[in-house]
Amino acid sequence: MKLLLHKFGYIVLMLLLISVISFAAIHAAPNSFLSAGELNPNMSADSIARLKAVYGLNKPLMQQYFDWVSNMLRLDFGISFVSGQGVTEEIMKRLGITLTINIVSMVLVFALSIWLGIKAAMRFEKRTDLAIRQFSLVSFAMPSFYLALLLILAFSVELDWFPITGLHSIGGPDSGLAYYLDEAWHLVLPIFVMTFVSLGSMIVYVRSLTLEILKSDYYFFARARNLGDKTLLRRYILPNLMPPVITLLGLSLPGLIGGSVILEQIFGIEGMGQLFYLSALSRDYPVIMGILMITAFLTLLGNMLADLILLKLNPYVKR
């Protein structure tokens, strides 16, 4: 319980610091959505002043910040400049699909990197190792947007195996199992791209860690006891491999979530990444700040879960 309270206090402190930095950066940006001429060149100064009063932008900057934080504690991120709807409702409508893409991708990256990294280390300097290293190099160097466009051209335009864009087929099912299967079919290419571009660095990392384990004294004496390969893997390699890999996955969360901004725009997926991109183009600052805070919270929460899993795997880790 003490550890949980400590982690929760850390999350609260970090969110407070992030809120200050985000609020200051947004308000330091040149121009704004409500600048004269941005909405309508024919709008009078009085009309713009009334709009600023509606959104609370006529108050002192510190008052605006405290009002924003107090509303945020009630999960109220304000009203969108563009749609006029609540920011919280707009984000929640899109959050689920973004989390689905990122969670599935992370699970696949974790499983595949463990399998391929250990396989490469166990076949050190053999054909299997060289092939896996070449694959990881291609994965590490491949830009996500370029791979996404290649897959769309190959599998959507030429072969017509997968949908080009969107989450659901036009005229497709609107409920039941078929609805979710149709959605999953639309997500195959985005999830593949996100998994592929994240896999290379993790494979290299796992391979390096496994090679260190294979050179260790405890592994040497375990092999001297004539233990089988499966026993060595289960008792000596995986227990020593999991803590650093889980730690790295926790640190990789911001990159995974940030990568969805590009992919959701390319594949036309109405997720949180696409909403952030469109809001940045239209300078819809309430939506931008809401997404920044929710993304920061999810990242901190993921790091906390990684720390708790690490503690469960190794109780002797410093608390």
Protein backbone atom coordinates (compact mmCIF):
# COMPACT_ATOMS: atom_id res chain seq x y z
CA MET A 1 0.00 0.00 0.00
CA LYS A 2 2.84 2.37 0.82
CA LEU A 3 4.38 1.70 -2.58
CA LEU A 4 1.08 2.37 -4.34
CA LEU A 5 0.64 5.66 -2.50
CA HIS A 6 4.19 6.64 -3.43
CA LYS A 7 3.57 5.83 -7.10
CA PHE A 8 0.24 7.65 -7.08
CA GLY A 9 1.85 10.73 -5.53
CA TYR A 10 4.54 10.64 -8.22
CA ILE A 11 1.89 10.51 -10.96
CA VAL A 12 0.02 13.46 -9.46
CA LEU A 13 3.22 15.53 -9.19
CA MET A 14 4.27 14.73 -12.76
CA LEU A 15 0.80 15.53 -14.12
CA LEU A 16 0.93 18.88 -12.33
CA LEU A 17 4.30 19.71 -13.89
CA ILE A 18 3.13 18.57 -17.31
CA SER A 19 -0.01 20.69 -17.01
CA VAL A 20 2.06 23.80 -16.25
CA ILE A 21 4.44 23.20 -19.17
CA SER A 22 1.64 22.33 -21.61
CA PHE A 23 -0.49 25.32 -20.62
CA ALA A 24 2.46 27.73 -20.88
CA ALA A 25 3.58 26.30 -24.25
CA ILE A 26 0.10 26.48 -25.75
CA HIS A 27 -0.47 30.07 -24.69
CA ALA A 28 3.01 31.09 -25.86
CA ALA A 29 2.24 29.91 -29.41
CA PRO A 30 1.81 32.71 -31.96
CA ASN A 31 -1.76 33.59 -32.97
CA SER A 32 -4.75 31.58 -31.83
CA PHE A 33 -8.00 30.18 -33.11
CA LEU A 34 -9.84 33.30 -31.92
CA SER A 35 -7.40 35.79 -33.38
CA ALA A 36 -8.93 38.50 -35.56
CA GLY A 37 -9.48 37.16 -39.04
CA GLU A 38 -8.96 33.50 -38.15
CA LEU A 39 -12.63 32.58 -37.83
CA ASN A 40 -14.11 35.04 -40.25
CA PRO A 41 -12.42 38.14 -41.68
CA ASN A 42 -15.72 40.02 -41.37
CA MET A 43 -16.11 39.38 -37.64
CA SER A 44 -16.00 42.48 -35.51
CA ALA A 45 -13.78 42.94 -32.50
CA ASP A 46 -16.87 42.88 -30.24
CA SER A 47 -17.88 39.45 -31.60
CA ILE A 48 -14.41 38.08 -30.98
CA ALA A 49 -14.42 39.57 -27.45
CA ARG A 50 -17.74 37.85 -26.70
CA LEU A 51 -16.35 34.52 -27.90
CA LYS A 52 -13.31 34.96 -25.68
CA ALA A 53 -15.63 35.61 -22.76
CA VAL A 54 -17.53 32.40 -23.50
CA TYR A 55 -14.31 30.38 -23.43
CA GLY A 56 -12.87 32.28 -20.47
CA LEU A 57 -9.97 33.69 -22.49
CA ASN A 58 -10.59 37.21 -21.26
CA LYS A 59 -9.40 36.33 -17.76
CA PRO A 60 -5.82 36.72 -16.49
CA LEU A 61 -3.54 33.87 -17.51
CA MET A 62 -3.12 32.50 -13.96
CA GLN A 63 -6.89 32.50 -13.46
CA GLN A 64 -7.32 30.63 -16.74
CA TYR A 65 -4.82 27.99 -15.58
CA PHE A 66 -6.45 27.45 -12.18
CA ASP A 67 -9.90 27.26 -13.78
CA TRP A 68 -8.58 24.71 -16.29
CA VAL A 69 -6.97 22.56 -13.58
CA SER A 70 -10.05 22.66 -11.35
CA ASN A 71 -12.25 21.63 -14.29
CA MET A 72 -9.75 18.94 -15.28
CA LEU A 73 -10.01 17.36 -11.82
CA ARG A 74 -13.70 16.83 -12.66
CA LEU A 75 -12.66 15.34 -16.06
CA ASP A 76 -13.93 18.45 -17.80
CA PHE A 77 -11.40 19.66 -20.39
CA GLY A 78 -13.56 22.48 -21.68
CA ILE A 79 -15.29 23.06 -25.00
CA SER A 80 -13.76 22.54 -28.43
CA PHE A 81 -13.21 25.70 -30.48
CA VAL A 82 -14.05 23.84 -33.70
CA SER A 83 -17.01 21.58 -32.91
CA GLY A 84 -18.42 23.39 -29.88
CA GLN A 85 -18.73 20.02 -28.12
CA GLY A 86 -17.17 18.93 -24.85
CA VAL A 87 -13.53 17.97 -25.20
CA THR A 88 -13.92 15.03 -22.82
CA GLU A 89 -16.70 13.50 -24.92
CA GLU A 90 -14.73 13.92 -28.16
CA ILE A 91 -11.64 12.28 -26.68
CA MET A 92 -13.53 9.40 -25.07
CA LYS A 93 -15.20 8.55 -28.38
CA ARG A 94 -11.76 8.06 -29.93
CA LEU A 95 -9.67 6.83 -27.01
CA GLY A 96 -10.78 3.20 -27.19
CA ILE A 97 -9.57 2.53 -30.72
CA THR A 98 -6.20 4.20 -30.06
CA LEU A 99 -5.68 2.12 -26.92
CA THR A 100 -6.66 -1.02 -28.81
CA ILE A 101 -4.07 -0.40 -31.53
CA ASN A 102 -1.33 0.41 -29.03
CA ILE A 103 -2.04 -2.43 -26.60
CA VAL A 104 -2.25 -5.08 -29.33
CA SER A 105 0.94 -3.74 -30.90
CA MET A 106 2.76 -3.76 -27.57
CA VAL A 107 1.74 -7.36 -26.84
CA LEU A 108 2.90 -8.46 -30.28
CA VAL A 109 6.19 -6.58 -29.95
CA PHE A 110 6.79 -8.15 -26.53
CA ALA A 111 6.05 -11.72 -27.67
CA LEU A 112 7.86 -11.56 -31.01
CA SER A 113 10.96 -9.77 -29.68
CA ILE A 114 11.35 -12.32 -26.89
CA TRP A 115 11.00 -15.22 -29.32
CA LEU A 116 13.24 -13.84 -32.08
CA GLY A 117 15.81 -12.30 -29.73
CA ILE A 118 16.33 -15.54 -27.79
CA LYS A 119 16.38 -17.56 -31.01
CA ALA A 120 19.06 -15.29 -32.47
CA ALA A 121 21.21 -15.50 -29.34
CA MET A 122 20.91 -19.29 -29.14
CA ARG A 123 22.04 -19.52 -32.81
CA PHE A 124 24.84 -16.98 -32.38
CA GLU A 125 26.64 -16.14 -35.66
CA LYS A 126 24.69 -18.81 -37.56
CA ARG A 127 22.29 -18.29 -40.44
CA THR A 128 19.29 -17.88 -38.16
CA ASP A 129 21.08 -15.20 -36.14
CA LEU A 130 22.19 -13.34 -39.27
CA ALA A 131 18.69 -13.48 -40.77
CA ILE A 132 17.05 -12.15 -37.59
CA ARG A 133 19.66 -9.37 -37.32
CA GLN A 134 18.99 -8.33 -40.92
CA PHE A 135 15.26 -8.32 -40.22
CA SER A 136 15.73 -6.17 -37.11
CA LEU A 137 17.90 -3.73 -39.10
CA VAL A 138 15.19 -3.32 -41.74
CA SER A 139 12.57 -2.87 -39.03
CA PHE A 140 14.64 -0.28 -37.19
CA ALA A 141 15.32 1.76 -40.35
CA MET A 142 11.81 1.59 -41.84
CA PRO A 143 9.74 4.81 -41.50
CA SER A 144 6.20 4.01 -40.40
CA PHE A 145 4.52 6.32 -42.93
CA TYR A 146 6.49 4.83 -45.85
CA LEU A 147 5.66 1.25 -44.84
CA ALA A 148 2.01 2.19 -44.39
CA LEU A 149 1.83 3.63 -47.92
CA LEU A 150 3.57 0.57 -49.38
CA LEU A 151 1.13 -1.79 -47.67
CA ILE A 152 -1.86 0.25 -48.82
CA LEU A 153 -0.63 0.17 -52.43
CA ALA A 154 0.18 -3.54 -52.32
CA PHE A 155 -2.58 -5.11 -50.23
CA SER A 156 -5.41 -2.57 -50.57
CA VAL A 157 -5.08 -1.08 -54.05
CA GLU A 158 -3.47 -3.90 -56.06
CA LEU A 159 -4.61 -7.08 -54.29
CA ASP A 160 -7.74 -5.68 -52.60
CA TRP A 161 -7.18 -7.88 -49.55
CA PHE A 162 -7.59 -5.18 -46.90
CA PRO A 163 -9.63 -1.93 -46.71
CA ILE A 164 -7.81 1.24 -47.69
CA THR A 165 -9.10 3.51 -44.95
CA GLY A 166 -11.56 3.86 -42.10
CA LEU A 167 -12.74 1.53 -39.37
CA HIS A 168 -15.86 0.02 -40.93
CA SER A 169 -16.97 -1.03 -44.40
CA ILE A 170 -19.62 1.05 -46.16
CA GLY A 171 -22.90 -0.79 -45.85
CA GLY A 172 -21.30 -3.32 -43.50
CA PRO A 173 -22.77 -4.73 -40.29
CA ASP A 174 -23.59 -2.22 -37.56
CA SER A 175 -23.76 -4.55 -34.56
CA GLY A 176 -22.89 -7.99 -33.30
CA LEU A 177 -19.81 -10.12 -33.86
CA ALA A 178 -19.65 -9.26 -37.57
CA TYR A 179 -19.32 -5.57 -36.67
CA TYR A 180 -16.23 -6.19 -34.52
CA LEU A 181 -14.73 -8.62 -37.03
CA ASP A 182 -15.09 -5.96 -39.72
CA GLU A 183 -13.37 -3.44 -37.44
CA ALA A 184 -10.56 -5.89 -36.68
CA TRP A 185 -10.07 -6.46 -40.43
CA HIS A 186 -9.62 -2.71 -40.90
CA LEU A 187 -6.99 -2.64 -38.14
CA VAL A 188 -4.75 -5.39 -39.51
CA LEU A 189 -2.50 -3.08 -41.55
CA PRO A 190 -2.17 -0.29 -38.92
CA ILE A 191 -1.30 -2.80 -36.19
CA PHE A 192 1.16 -4.56 -38.48
CA VAL A 193 2.93 -1.28 -39.29
CA MET A 194 3.16 -0.20 -35.65
CA THR A 195 4.41 -3.64 -34.61
CA PHE A 196 6.96 -3.92 -37.40
CA VAL A 197 8.63 -0.54 -36.88
CA SER A 198 8.86 -1.11 -33.10
CA LEU A 199 10.23 -4.64 -33.32
CA GLY A 200 13.79 -4.09 -34.54
CA SER A 201 15.23 -2.29 -31.52
CA MET A 202 13.54 -4.70 -29.10
CA ILE A 203 14.96 -7.76 -30.89
CA VAL A 204 18.49 -6.34 -30.73
CA TYR A 205 18.03 -5.52 -27.04
CA VAL A 206 16.69 -8.98 -26.15
CA ARG A 207 19.43 -10.67 -28.16
CA SER A 208 22.11 -8.66 -26.36
CA LEU A 209 20.67 -9.47 -22.93
CA THR A 210 20.34 -13.16 -23.79
CA LEU A 211 23.96 -13.34 -24.92
CA GLU A 212 25.03 -11.90 -21.57
CA ILE A 213 22.96 -14.53 -19.76
CA LEU A 214 24.47 -17.32 -21.87
CA LYS A 215 27.96 -16.15 -20.84
CA SER A 216 27.13 -16.00 -17.13
CA ASP A 217 28.49 -18.40 -14.52
CA TYR A 218 25.08 -19.55 -13.26
CA TYR A 219 24.04 -20.55 -16.78
CA PHE A 220 27.35 -22.39 -17.28
CA PHE A 221 26.84 -24.44 -14.10
CA ALA A 222 23.20 -25.07 -15.04
CA ARG A 223 24.31 -26.56 -18.35
CA ALA A 224 26.93 -28.58 -16.51
CA ARG A 225 24.05 -30.25 -14.62
CA ASN A 226 22.84 -31.50 -18.03
CA LEU A 227 19.51 -29.67 -17.83
CA GLY A 228 17.34 -29.62 -20.95
CA ASP A 229 16.98 -26.57 -23.17
CA LYS A 230 13.38 -25.98 -22.10
CA THR A 231 14.35 -26.10 -18.43
CA LEU A 232 17.24 -23.70 -19.00
CA LEU A 233 14.93 -21.33 -20.85
CA ARG A 234 12.20 -21.44 -18.20
CA ARG A 235 14.40 -21.28 -15.09
CA TYR A 236 17.45 -19.27 -16.09
CA ILE A 237 16.95 -17.25 -19.28
CA LEU A 238 13.39 -15.91 -19.04
CA PRO A 239 13.46 -14.93 -15.31
CA ASN A 240 16.61 -12.87 -15.88
CA LEU A 241 15.38 -11.48 -19.18
CA MET A 242 11.92 -10.26 -18.17
CA PRO A 243 12.79 -7.35 -15.80
CA PRO A 244 14.88 -5.25 -18.23
CA VAL A 245 12.53 -6.00 -21.15
CA ILE A 246 9.46 -4.93 -19.17
CA THR A 247 11.28 -1.79 -18.06
CA LEU A 248 12.11 -0.92 -21.68
CA LEU A 249 8.52 -1.55 -22.77
CA GLY A 250 7.33 0.89 -20.12
CA LEU A 251 9.74 3.51 -21.42
CA SER A 252 8.58 2.83 -25.01
CA LEU A 253 4.95 3.78 -24.30
CA PRO A 254 5.26 7.46 -25.35
CA GLY A 255 6.75 6.44 -28.70
CA LEU A 256 3.96 3.96 -29.39
CA ILE A 257 1.23 6.44 -28.54
CA GLY A 258 2.96 9.19 -30.53
CA GLY A 259 3.30 6.91 -33.54
CA SER A 260 -0.46 6.47 -33.74
CA VAL A 261 -0.79 10.15 -34.76
CA ILE A 262 0.78 9.44 -38.16
CA LEU A 263 -0.80 6.04 -38.74
CA GLU A 264 -4.32 7.10 -37.81
CA GLN A 265 -4.10 9.98 -40.25
CA ILE A 266 -2.77 7.79 -43.08
CA PHE A 267 -5.32 5.00 -42.54
CA GLY A 268 -8.19 7.40 -41.83
CA ILE A 269 -8.85 5.95 -38.37
CA GLU A 270 -10.89 8.22 -36.13
CA GLY A 271 -8.71 7.78 -33.09
CA MET A 272 -7.08 10.09 -30.61
CA GLY A 273 -4.00 10.51 -32.81
CA GLN A 274 -6.03 11.78 -35.75
CA LEU A 275 -7.97 14.10 -33.45
CA PHE A 276 -4.70 15.54 -32.13
CA TYR A 277 -3.41 16.12 -35.68
CA LEU A 278 -6.58 17.87 -36.84
CA SER A 279 -6.75 19.93 -33.65
CA ALA A 280 -3.15 21.05 -34.11
CA LEU A 281 -3.92 22.19 -37.67
CA SER A 282 -6.96 24.19 -36.54
CA ARG A 283 -5.30 25.37 -33.30
CA ASP A 284 -8.09 23.90 -31.20
CA TYR A 285 -6.18 24.41 -27.95
CA PRO A 286 -8.69 22.87 -25.48
CA VAL A 287 -8.60 19.58 -27.40
CA ILE A 288 -4.80 19.67 -27.71
CA MET A 289 -4.33 20.20 -23.97
CA GLY A 290 -6.89 17.52 -23.14
CA ILE A 291 -5.13 14.96 -25.34
CA LEU A 292 -1.73 15.91 -23.92
CA MET A 293 -2.93 15.37 -20.36
CA ILE A 294 -4.67 12.06 -21.08
CA THR A 295 -1.64 10.80 -23.00
CA ALA A 296 0.65 11.83 -20.13
CA PHE A 297 -1.60 10.05 -17.63
CA LEU A 298 -1.68 6.85 -19.69
CA THR A 299 2.11 6.94 -20.09
CA LEU A 300 2.68 7.42 -16.36
CA LEU A 301 0.14 4.71 -15.57
CA GLY A 302 1.87 2.32 -17.95
CA ASN A 303 5.24 3.04 -16.35
CA MET A 304 3.74 2.42 -12.90
CA LEU A 305 2.30 -0.91 -14.02
CA ALA A 306 5.68 -1.86 -15.49
CA ASP A 307 7.34 -1.05 -12.14
CA LEU A 308 4.78 -3.14 -10.25
CA ILE A 309 5.24 -6.08 -12.62
CA LEU A 310 9.00 -5.74 -12.24
CA LEU A 311 8.62 -5.79 -8.46
CA LYS A 312 6.46 -8.91 -8.71
CA LEU A 313 9.08 -10.65 -10.85
CA ASN A 314 11.93 -9.57 -8.60
CA PRO A 315 10.90 -8.74 -4.99
CA TYR A 316 14.47 -7.66 -4.22
CA VAL A 317 14.27 -4.63 -6.49
CA LYS A 318 14.65 -1.44 -4.47
CA ARG A 319 11.24 -0.09 -3.58
